[in-house]
């Protein structure tokens, strides 16, 4: 009776250990159900036509497609084009303006209203007495002329043009920052899918092991050498692992769909991830070196510098609104009665405008520009502190995840050895299959932790490259562990 209770208690412990395994397997690569409606980085604007063949996809291919088709980057390019258009619009008031003008019209003139009368004509000597002049004549006049105007001096307009030109640089750096975030998101999605695929491979390998144990347990039970409890335990383990494989297959497919959504591949297209999950140690760098590189390379920092410069120029434009402006305009053309002799006409004039009383506008523009500049300076101070915090966090993440990978690798080796020895004892008839089931549960957990830590380590390295502002050009180098000294250590 005591033996029966002990075996039931062991059976319950084994079931509890097995039941924990599927839940832990789902923590490897959770599917990100982000919507492009709330975050444009999870959308794409161009979808390739699906084919019936399997499409091989490397990490470089995925990032290239992401840079071509990602919705957020497309919107950033449009914003850069808009900034370029605004620069041209602000330049136009400083450029010469030439227009051509032609007119042909019928005019009725009231000469009497201008002071002409018959009595006035009689005072002119040597005029024929029978001369009659229509005091309300109708004439057809044709004219053509070229008009020219040029702003010679407008310091406020010059400052506005310079500010718009700097705004174009701001849009460029914003677009470059979007490139970096696209690379980070696509690489993360690719690595997440790789991790899910690796976890699926582990689960399938364990399923084959469970099948071998189940067949042996069935054979031994039929031979009468083991109790039915061993067969039941092996069957529960096998079916539980089947559930894990099904769940991992579903997770793997959903992660591939999420990756396809970000890079513009239709969800119906079958893809094969040809790269493997990389693991290479990255030698740590000092916070001073990281901060110096971030200030030189980060696009958001450069963008903020340009925004401050743009705001300074806008403030100068507001101050210079009080200054006089000088311009020149004129025209040259011909004019005459249609069908008669035409005569050249022209005009040339300079204009000096001095604003005397626009005090409310001047003060309002200046106060607005002052407030914007002060706000940007505060944001720059905060950005410097945020960069420092992000770099410190990334360096800590890289260091800690590197240690976690080593521990997880060691646990995986130990769990593999434990399962191998437990299996050998079971096959030799020294022990029942309970230690095998427990060792399988331990190995599944160790595999899950190893896959998860490798993914987290790669993500931490990509995060460091992103915080340094160089991820779009050096993501492969950081994944392979070459910066800054080229040290690589593969497991």
Protein backbone atom coordinates (compact mmCIF):
# COMPACT_ATOMS: atom_id res chain seq x y z
CA UNK A 1 0.00 0.00 0.00
CA UNK A 2 2.84 2.36 0.82
CA UNK A 3 4.50 1.51 -2.47
CA UNK A 4 1.30 2.36 -4.36
CA UNK A 5 1.00 5.76 -2.69
CA UNK A 6 4.63 6.54 -3.43
CA UNK A 7 4.20 5.70 -7.09
CA UNK A 8 1.03 7.80 -7.32
CA UNK A 9 2.82 10.72 -5.67
CA UNK A 10 5.72 10.40 -8.14
CA UNK A 11 3.25 10.22 -11.00
CA UNK A 12 1.56 13.44 -9.82
CA UNK A 13 4.92 15.20 -9.56
CA UNK A 14 5.80 14.12 -13.08
CA UNK A 15 2.51 15.37 -14.47
CA UNK A 16 2.99 18.71 -12.73
CA UNK A 17 6.47 19.05 -14.22
CA UNK A 18 5.17 18.18 -17.68
CA UNK A 19 2.26 20.59 -17.41
CA UNK A 20 4.63 23.48 -16.79
CA UNK A 21 6.59 22.84 -19.97
CA UNK A 22 4.12 24.10 -22.65
CA UNK A 23 3.55 27.41 -20.89
CA UNK A 24 7.27 28.03 -20.60
CA UNK A 25 7.74 27.28 -24.31
CA UNK A 26 5.36 30.10 -25.24
CA UNK A 27 7.56 32.73 -23.59
CA UNK A 28 10.25 32.41 -26.24
CA UNK A 29 8.90 34.53 -29.04
CA UNK A 30 5.53 36.10 -28.28
CA UNK A 31 3.76 37.27 -31.38
CA UNK A 32 3.59 41.04 -31.60
CA UNK A 33 0.07 41.98 -32.65
CA UNK A 34 0.91 45.58 -33.40
CA UNK A 35 -1.29 47.56 -35.76
CA UNK A 36 -0.01 49.90 -38.45
CA UNK A 37 -2.95 52.17 -37.60
CA UNK A 38 -1.33 52.96 -34.25
CA UNK A 39 2.31 52.48 -35.25
CA UNK A 40 3.32 52.93 -38.88
CA UNK A 41 6.55 50.96 -38.34
CA UNK A 42 4.47 47.76 -38.31
CA UNK A 43 3.00 48.44 -41.77
CA UNK A 44 4.19 48.45 -45.37
CA UNK A 45 3.02 50.15 -48.54
CA UNK A 46 4.18 47.75 -51.25
CA UNK A 47 3.43 44.04 -51.36
CA UNK A 48 5.21 41.71 -53.73
CA UNK A 49 3.06 39.36 -55.78
CA UNK A 50 2.84 35.96 -54.04
CA UNK A 51 4.37 32.99 -55.81
CA UNK A 52 3.89 29.28 -55.41
CA UNK A 53 7.58 28.76 -54.60
CA UNK A 54 9.21 29.08 -51.20
CA UNK A 55 11.00 32.41 -50.95
CA UNK A 56 14.41 32.24 -49.22
CA UNK A 57 14.90 35.23 -46.95
CA UNK A 58 18.11 36.32 -45.25
CA UNK A 59 18.33 39.01 -42.60
CA UNK A 60 19.91 41.36 -45.15
CA UNK A 61 17.05 40.68 -47.58
CA UNK A 62 14.47 41.39 -44.89
CA UNK A 63 16.08 44.69 -43.94
CA UNK A 64 16.44 45.72 -47.59
CA UNK A 65 12.73 45.06 -48.19
CA UNK A 66 11.88 46.88 -44.99
CA UNK A 67 13.82 49.95 -46.06
CA UNK A 68 12.04 49.88 -49.42
CA UNK A 69 8.48 49.17 -48.32
CA UNK A 70 8.03 50.07 -44.64
CA UNK A 71 5.18 52.52 -44.13
CA UNK A 72 6.94 54.73 -41.56
CA UNK A 73 10.00 55.22 -43.76
CA UNK A 74 7.80 56.03 -46.75
CA UNK A 75 6.04 58.70 -44.71
CA UNK A 76 9.42 60.09 -43.60
CA UNK A 77 10.50 60.41 -47.23
CA UNK A 78 7.30 62.34 -47.96
CA UNK A 79 8.03 64.65 -45.04
CA UNK A 80 11.52 65.25 -46.37
CA UNK A 81 10.07 66.14 -49.77
CA UNK A 82 7.62 68.51 -48.06
CA UNK A 83 10.51 70.24 -46.28
CA UNK A 84 12.28 70.63 -49.62
CA UNK A 85 9.14 72.23 -51.08
CA UNK A 86 8.92 74.69 -48.18
CA UNK A 87 12.54 75.70 -48.75
CA UNK A 88 11.77 76.51 -52.39
CA UNK A 89 8.66 78.45 -51.37
CA UNK A 90 10.68 80.60 -48.95
CA UNK A 91 13.32 81.21 -51.63
CA UNK A 92 10.86 82.53 -54.22
CA UNK A 93 10.39 86.05 -52.67
CA UNK A 94 14.17 86.59 -52.99
CA UNK A 95 14.36 85.63 -56.69
CA UNK A 96 13.67 87.88 -59.69
CA UNK A 97 10.07 87.76 -60.87
CA UNK A 98 9.49 88.17 -64.63
CA UNK A 99 6.05 88.05 -66.23
CA UNK A 100 4.75 88.67 -69.73
CA UNK A 101 1.49 90.49 -70.22
CA UNK A 102 -0.59 91.13 -73.33
CA UNK A 103 -3.93 92.97 -73.63
CA UNK A 104 -6.41 93.79 -76.33
CA UNK A 105 -9.57 95.65 -75.42
CA UNK A 106 -12.27 98.04 -76.58
CA UNK A 107 -12.31 101.29 -74.59
CA UNK A 108 -14.96 104.03 -74.54
CA UNK A 109 -13.61 107.36 -73.32
CA UNK A 110 -15.61 110.36 -72.07
CA UNK A 111 -13.46 113.33 -73.12
CA UNK A 112 -16.02 115.82 -71.80
CA UNK A 113 -15.55 114.41 -68.34
CA UNK A 114 -11.84 115.11 -68.73
CA UNK A 115 -12.43 118.80 -69.53
CA UNK A 116 -12.65 118.71 -73.33
CA UNK A 117 -15.45 120.69 -75.08
CA UNK A 118 -16.23 122.27 -78.45
CA UNK A 119 -15.43 125.71 -77.07
CA UNK A 120 -12.00 124.51 -76.02
CA UNK A 121 -11.26 123.33 -79.54
CA UNK A 122 -12.20 126.75 -81.04
CA UNK A 123 -9.42 128.33 -79.04
CA UNK A 124 -6.81 126.35 -80.87
CA UNK A 125 -5.48 128.39 -83.81
CA UNK A 126 -5.31 127.15 -87.40
CA UNK A 127 -7.84 124.37 -86.86
CA UNK A 128 -10.42 123.85 -89.59
CA UNK A 129 -13.73 125.38 -88.62
CA UNK A 130 -15.65 122.34 -89.77
CA UNK A 131 -13.60 119.94 -87.61
CA UNK A 132 -15.75 117.83 -85.34
CA UNK A 133 -14.42 115.63 -82.56
CA UNK A 134 -16.47 112.95 -80.90
CA UNK A 135 -16.30 113.66 -77.17
CA UNK A 136 -17.18 110.01 -76.38
CA UNK A 137 -14.88 108.01 -78.70
CA UNK A 138 -14.58 104.21 -78.86
CA UNK A 139 -11.08 102.86 -79.54
CA UNK A 140 -9.50 99.40 -79.62
CA UNK A 141 -6.15 99.35 -77.81
CA UNK A 142 -3.50 96.63 -77.99
CA UNK A 143 -0.53 96.47 -75.61
CA UNK A 144 2.18 94.02 -74.67
CA UNK A 145 4.84 94.29 -72.02
CA UNK A 146 7.36 92.39 -69.86
CA UNK A 147 7.22 93.02 -66.12
CA UNK A 148 10.18 92.63 -63.77
CA UNK A 149 10.45 92.83 -60.00
CA UNK A 150 13.30 92.04 -57.61
CA UNK A 151 13.72 92.25 -53.86
CA UNK A 152 17.05 93.92 -53.27
CA UNK A 153 17.15 93.79 -49.48
CA UNK A 154 14.86 91.98 -47.03
CA UNK A 155 16.84 90.57 -44.12
CA UNK A 156 13.78 88.96 -42.54
CA UNK A 157 13.01 87.03 -45.74
CA UNK A 158 16.65 85.94 -45.98
CA UNK A 159 16.50 84.55 -42.42
CA UNK A 160 13.26 82.73 -43.19
CA UNK A 161 14.88 81.11 -46.22
CA UNK A 162 17.88 80.02 -44.15
CA UNK A 163 15.53 78.61 -41.53
CA UNK A 164 13.64 76.64 -44.18
CA UNK A 165 16.93 75.33 -45.54
CA UNK A 166 17.90 74.10 -42.07
CA UNK A 167 14.41 72.59 -41.79
CA UNK A 168 15.28 70.45 -44.79
CA UNK A 169 18.25 69.10 -42.84
CA UNK A 170 15.95 68.40 -39.88
CA UNK A 171 13.69 66.33 -42.15
CA UNK A 172 16.73 64.46 -43.49
CA UNK A 173 17.93 63.48 -40.01
CA UNK A 174 14.40 62.48 -39.03
CA UNK A 175 14.26 60.23 -42.08
CA UNK A 176 17.63 58.70 -41.17
CA UNK A 177 16.36 58.09 -37.65
CA UNK A 178 13.35 56.31 -39.12
CA UNK A 179 15.73 54.14 -41.15
CA UNK A 180 17.45 53.06 -37.95
CA UNK A 181 14.17 52.21 -36.26
CA UNK A 182 13.01 50.24 -39.31
CA UNK A 183 16.26 48.23 -39.24
CA UNK A 184 15.79 47.59 -35.51
CA UNK A 185 12.16 46.48 -35.88
CA UNK A 186 12.78 44.29 -38.91
CA UNK A 187 15.88 42.68 -37.39
CA UNK A 188 14.00 42.09 -34.13
CA UNK A 189 11.10 40.49 -36.02
CA UNK A 190 13.51 38.30 -37.99
CA UNK A 191 15.37 37.19 -34.86
CA UNK A 192 12.07 36.57 -33.09
CA UNK A 193 10.96 34.31 -35.93
CA UNK A 194 14.34 32.53 -35.86
CA UNK A 195 13.96 31.94 -32.12
CA UNK A 196 10.48 30.56 -32.63
CA UNK A 197 11.84 28.25 -35.35
CA UNK A 198 14.68 27.07 -33.11
CA UNK A 199 12.23 26.40 -30.29
CA UNK A 200 10.09 24.41 -32.73
CA UNK A 201 13.10 22.30 -33.74
CA UNK A 202 13.84 21.57 -30.09
CA UNK A 203 10.21 20.63 -29.47
CA UNK A 204 10.14 18.26 -32.43
CA UNK A 205 13.38 16.60 -31.31
CA UNK A 206 11.92 16.03 -27.85
CA UNK A 207 8.78 14.62 -29.44
CA UNK A 208 10.86 12.00 -31.24
CA UNK A 209 12.56 11.13 -27.96
CA UNK A 210 9.17 10.86 -26.26
CA UNK A 211 7.99 8.57 -29.04
CA UNK A 212 10.95 6.25 -28.51
CA UNK A 213 10.31 6.16 -24.75
CA UNK A 214 6.60 5.53 -25.31
CA UNK A 215 7.23 2.63 -27.72
CA UNK A 216 9.69 1.08 -25.31
CA UNK A 217 7.29 1.49 -22.38
CA UNK A 218 4.51 -0.15 -24.39
CA UNK A 219 6.75 -3.05 -25.35
CA UNK A 220 7.98 -3.59 -21.79
CA UNK A 221 4.46 -3.38 -20.37
CA UNK A 222 3.26 -5.97 -22.90
CA UNK A 223 6.20 -8.14 -21.88
CA UNK A 224 5.19 -7.72 -18.24
CA UNK A 225 8.47 -6.19 -17.11
CA UNK A 226 7.04 -2.77 -16.11
CA UNK A 227 3.76 -1.59 -14.67
CA UNK A 228 1.06 0.09 -16.76
CA UNK A 229 1.85 3.31 -14.91
CA UNK A 230 5.08 3.63 -16.90
CA UNK A 231 3.17 3.34 -20.16
CA UNK A 232 0.59 5.92 -19.02
CA UNK A 233 3.30 8.30 -17.90
CA UNK A 234 5.11 7.99 -21.23
CA UNK A 235 1.88 8.49 -23.18
CA UNK A 236 0.98 11.63 -21.21
CA UNK A 237 4.47 12.99 -21.82
CA UNK A 238 4.21 12.22 -25.54
CA UNK A 239 0.80 13.85 -25.96
CA UNK A 240 1.83 16.87 -23.92
CA UNK A 241 4.85 17.32 -26.15
CA UNK A 242 2.55 17.05 -29.16
CA UNK A 243 0.62 20.02 -27.76
CA UNK A 244 3.85 21.93 -27.36
CA UNK A 245 4.85 21.21 -30.99
CA UNK A 246 1.45 22.37 -32.27
CA UNK A 247 1.65 25.57 -30.23
CA UNK A 248 5.24 26.23 -31.37
CA UNK A 249 4.30 25.66 -35.02
CA UNK A 250 1.50 28.18 -34.70
CA UNK A 251 3.78 30.67 -32.97
CA UNK A 252 6.44 30.25 -35.67
CA UNK A 253 3.97 30.87 -38.49
CA UNK A 254 2.51 33.95 -36.80
CA UNK A 255 5.97 35.42 -36.29
CA UNK A 256 6.73 34.92 -39.99
CA UNK A 257 3.45 36.69 -40.88
CA UNK A 258 4.39 39.61 -38.63
CA UNK A 259 7.79 39.82 -40.35
CA UNK A 260 6.17 39.74 -43.80
CA UNK A 261 3.81 42.55 -42.80
CA UNK A 262 6.71 44.84 -41.91
CA UNK A 263 8.69 44.28 -45.12
CA UNK A 264 5.91 44.22 -47.72
CA UNK A 265 5.68 40.50 -48.45
CA UNK A 266 2.10 39.17 -48.75
CA UNK A 267 1.03 36.89 -45.92
CA UNK A 268 0.24 34.10 -48.38
CA UNK A 269 3.84 33.92 -49.56
CA UNK A 270 5.75 31.01 -48.05
CA UNK A 271 9.19 32.11 -46.82
CA UNK A 272 12.21 30.25 -45.50
CA UNK A 273 14.52 31.99 -43.04
CA UNK A 274 17.95 31.02 -44.31
CA UNK A 275 20.01 32.65 -41.54
CA UNK A 276 20.52 31.09 -38.11
CA UNK A 277 20.31 32.75 -34.72
CA UNK A 278 23.71 34.41 -34.33
CA UNK A 279 25.64 34.33 -31.09
CA UNK A 280 28.87 36.22 -30.64
CA UNK A 281 30.25 38.03 -27.63
CA UNK A 282 30.54 41.79 -27.87
CA UNK A 283 33.38 43.37 -26.00
CA UNK A 284 32.13 46.06 -23.65
CA UNK A 285 32.99 49.69 -24.21
CA UNK A 286 33.14 52.56 -21.77
CA UNK A 287 30.26 54.96 -21.29
CA UNK A 288 32.51 57.86 -22.33
CA UNK A 289 33.32 56.26 -25.69
CA UNK A 290 29.69 55.32 -26.24
CA UNK A 291 28.49 58.82 -25.41
CA UNK A 292 31.02 60.41 -27.77
CA UNK A 293 29.99 58.12 -30.63
CA UNK A 294 26.31 58.70 -29.94
CA UNK A 295 26.69 62.48 -30.09
CA UNK A 296 28.44 62.12 -33.45
CA UNK A 297 26.13 59.51 -34.98
CA UNK A 298 22.66 59.70 -33.46
CA UNK A 299 20.20 61.19 -35.92
CA UNK A 300 17.80 62.50 -33.27
CA UNK A 301 20.66 64.42 -31.64
CA UNK A 302 21.74 65.92 -34.96
CA UNK A 303 18.11 66.73 -35.73
CA UNK A 304 17.75 68.56 -32.42
CA UNK A 305 20.88 70.60 -33.17
CA UNK A 306 19.41 71.58 -36.53
CA UNK A 307 16.06 72.44 -34.95
CA UNK A 308 17.79 74.79 -32.52
CA UNK A 309 19.63 76.42 -35.42
CA UNK A 310 16.35 76.73 -37.33
CA UNK A 311 14.67 78.33 -34.31
CA UNK A 312 17.55 80.80 -33.95
CA UNK A 313 17.11 81.87 -37.55
CA UNK A 314 13.35 82.19 -37.07
CA UNK A 315 14.02 84.42 -34.07
CA UNK A 316 16.36 86.52 -36.21
CA UNK A 317 13.67 86.81 -38.89
CA UNK A 318 11.21 88.05 -36.27
CA UNK A 319 13.69 90.68 -35.05
CA UNK A 320 14.52 91.86 -38.57
CA UNK A 321 10.88 92.49 -39.47
CA UNK A 322 11.43 96.03 -38.14
CA UNK A 323 14.11 96.77 -40.76
CA UNK A 324 13.35 98.59 -44.05
CA UNK A 325 13.04 96.58 -47.25
CA UNK A 326 14.24 97.68 -50.67
CA UNK A 327 12.86 96.43 -53.98
CA UNK A 328 12.92 97.30 -57.67
CA UNK A 329 10.19 96.88 -60.28
CA UNK A 330 9.50 98.00 -63.84
CA UNK A 331 8.18 97.03 -67.23
CA UNK A 332 8.84 97.58 -70.93
CA UNK A 333 6.40 97.09 -73.79
CA UNK A 334 4.45 98.61 -76.68
CA UNK A 335 1.01 100.18 -76.76
CA UNK A 336 -1.24 101.69 -79.42
CA UNK A 337 -4.56 101.69 -81.18
CA UNK A 338 -5.10 98.38 -82.87
CA UNK A 339 -3.96 98.53 -86.48
CA UNK A 340 -2.26 101.92 -86.01
CA UNK A 341 1.25 102.92 -85.02
CA UNK A 342 2.51 101.37 -81.75
CA UNK A 343 4.83 103.18 -79.39
CA UNK A 344 7.18 101.83 -76.78
CA UNK A 345 6.29 102.34 -73.12
CA UNK A 346 8.34 101.58 -70.00
CA UNK A 347 8.57 102.25 -66.28
CA UNK A 348 11.35 101.74 -63.74
CA UNK A 349 11.04 102.43 -60.04
CA UNK A 350 12.64 101.59 -56.76
CA UNK A 351 10.66 101.14 -53.57
CA UNK A 352 11.77 101.58 -49.98
CA UNK A 353 9.34 100.37 -47.34
CA UNK A 354 9.79 101.30 -43.71
CA UNK A 355 7.38 99.63 -41.25
CA UNK A 356 6.27 102.29 -38.80
CA UNK A 357 3.59 100.72 -36.68
CA UNK A 358 3.12 96.94 -36.62
CA UNK A 359 4.05 96.61 -32.98
CA UNK A 360 1.58 93.88 -32.03
CA UNK A 361 2.72 91.63 -34.89
CA UNK A 362 6.41 92.28 -34.27
CA UNK A 363 6.18 91.52 -30.55
CA UNK A 364 3.98 88.49 -31.10
CA UNK A 365 6.35 86.98 -33.66
CA UNK A 366 9.35 87.57 -31.43
CA UNK A 367 7.75 86.15 -28.30
CA UNK A 368 6.65 83.06 -30.22
CA UNK A 369 10.17 82.52 -31.61
CA UNK A 370 11.71 83.10 -28.15
CA UNK A 371 9.41 80.51 -26.57
CA UNK A 372 10.14 77.96 -29.30
CA UNK A 373 13.90 78.41 -28.93
CA UNK A 374 13.72 78.08 -25.14
CA UNK A 375 11.61 74.92 -25.50
CA UNK A 376 14.13 73.35 -27.88
CA UNK A 377 17.02 74.15 -25.53
CA UNK A 378 15.19 72.40 -22.70
CA UNK A 379 14.54 69.44 -24.98
CA UNK A 380 18.23 69.28 -25.89
CA UNK A 381 19.18 69.14 -22.20
CA UNK A 382 16.69 66.32 -21.69
CA UNK A 383 17.92 64.51 -24.81
CA UNK A 384 21.50 64.52 -23.55
CA UNK A 385 20.38 62.96 -20.28
CA UNK A 386 18.19 60.46 -22.12
CA UNK A 387 21.07 59.43 -24.37
CA UNK A 388 23.26 58.88 -21.33
CA UNK A 389 20.54 56.78 -19.67
CA UNK A 390 19.87 54.73 -22.80
CA UNK A 391 23.56 54.02 -23.31
CA UNK A 392 24.05 52.95 -19.71
CA UNK A 393 20.97 50.71 -19.91
CA UNK A 394 22.19 49.16 -23.17
CA UNK A 395 25.67 48.49 -21.83
CA UNK A 396 24.20 46.85 -18.73
CA UNK A 397 21.82 44.79 -20.88
CA UNK A 398 24.63 43.57 -23.14
CA UNK A 399 26.83 42.62 -20.18
CA UNK A 400 24.09 40.84 -18.23
CA UNK A 401 22.62 39.05 -21.24
CA UNK A 402 26.08 37.78 -22.18
CA UNK A 403 26.38 36.15 -18.74
CA UNK A 404 22.84 34.79 -18.95
CA UNK A 405 23.61 33.13 -22.29
CA UNK A 406 26.64 31.39 -20.79
CA UNK A 407 24.62 30.14 -17.82
CA UNK A 408 21.76 29.02 -20.10
CA UNK A 409 24.25 27.20 -22.35
CA UNK A 410 25.71 25.41 -19.34
CA UNK A 411 22.23 24.47 -18.09
CA UNK A 412 21.36 23.14 -21.54
CA UNK A 413 24.46 20.94 -21.61
CA UNK A 414 23.75 19.63 -18.10
CA UNK A 415 20.08 18.95 -18.89
CA UNK A 416 21.08 17.13 -22.09
CA UNK A 417 23.52 14.97 -20.13
CA UNK A 418 20.89 14.29 -17.47
CA UNK A 419 18.37 13.14 -20.08
CA UNK A 420 20.94 10.96 -21.80
CA UNK A 421 21.90 9.21 -18.57
CA UNK A 422 18.27 8.80 -17.45
CA UNK A 423 17.40 7.31 -20.83
CA UNK A 424 20.28 4.87 -20.66
CA UNK A 425 19.23 3.72 -17.17
CA UNK A 426 15.66 3.28 -18.37
CA UNK A 427 16.68 1.27 -21.41
CA UNK A 428 18.94 -0.90 -19.25
CA UNK A 429 16.01 -1.62 -16.93
CA UNK A 430 17.76 -0.08 -13.91
CA UNK A 431 15.01 2.51 -13.35
CA UNK A 432 11.52 3.31 -14.57
CA UNK A 433 10.71 6.15 -16.96
CA UNK A 434 9.87 8.76 -14.28
CA UNK A 435 13.45 10.15 -14.24
CA UNK A 436 13.31 10.28 -18.05
CA UNK A 437 10.08 12.30 -17.97
CA UNK A 438 11.52 14.65 -15.37
CA UNK A 439 14.76 15.02 -17.33
CA UNK A 440 12.80 15.81 -20.48
CA UNK A 441 10.89 18.52 -18.67
CA UNK A 442 14.15 19.97 -17.36
CA UNK A 443 15.71 19.85 -20.84
CA UNK A 444 12.69 21.55 -22.42
CA UNK A 445 12.93 24.34 -19.87
CA UNK A 446 16.69 24.67 -20.44
CA UNK A 447 16.18 24.82 -24.22
CA UNK A 448 13.52 27.49 -23.81
CA UNK A 449 15.77 29.56 -21.57
CA UNK A 450 18.72 29.21 -23.91
CA UNK A 451 16.77 30.24 -27.01
CA UNK A 452 15.24 33.13 -25.08
CA UNK A 453 18.56 34.41 -23.70
CA UNK A 454 20.27 34.25 -27.11
CA UNK A 455 17.38 36.24 -28.58
CA UNK A 456 17.54 38.75 -25.72
CA UNK A 457 21.30 39.07 -26.11
CA UNK A 458 21.03 39.77 -29.83
CA UNK A 459 18.26 42.24 -29.15
CA UNK A 460 20.41 43.97 -26.52
CA UNK A 461 23.27 44.33 -29.03
CA UNK A 462 20.91 45.74 -31.64
CA UNK A 463 19.54 48.12 -29.00
CA UNK A 464 23.06 49.33 -28.25
CA UNK A 465 23.73 49.90 -31.95
CA UNK A 466 20.43 51.78 -32.20
CA UNK A 467 21.27 53.98 -29.20
CA UNK A 468 24.65 54.71 -30.75
CA UNK A 469 22.91 55.74 -34.00
CA UNK A 470 24.74 53.25 -36.24
CA UNK A 471 22.34 50.32 -36.48
CA UNK A 472 21.40 50.91 -40.11
CA UNK A 473 25.02 50.50 -41.23
CA UNK A 474 26.51 48.16 -38.59
CA UNK A 475 23.74 45.82 -37.48
CA UNK A 476 25.55 42.78 -38.87
CA UNK A 477 28.79 43.78 -37.17
CA UNK A 478 27.08 44.01 -33.78
CA UNK A 479 25.28 40.71 -34.24
CA UNK A 480 28.57 39.05 -35.18
CA UNK A 481 30.33 40.68 -32.24
CA UNK A 482 33.03 42.49 -34.20
CA UNK A 483 32.74 46.03 -32.70
CA UNK A 484 34.70 47.47 -31.16
CA UNK A 485 37.65 45.05 -31.14
CA UNK A 486 36.43 42.25 -33.38
CA UNK A 487 36.36 39.65 -30.60
CA UNK A 488 34.07 36.77 -31.44
CA UNK A 489 33.27 33.75 -29.33
CA UNK A 490 30.89 31.18 -30.78
CA UNK A 491 29.45 28.47 -28.52
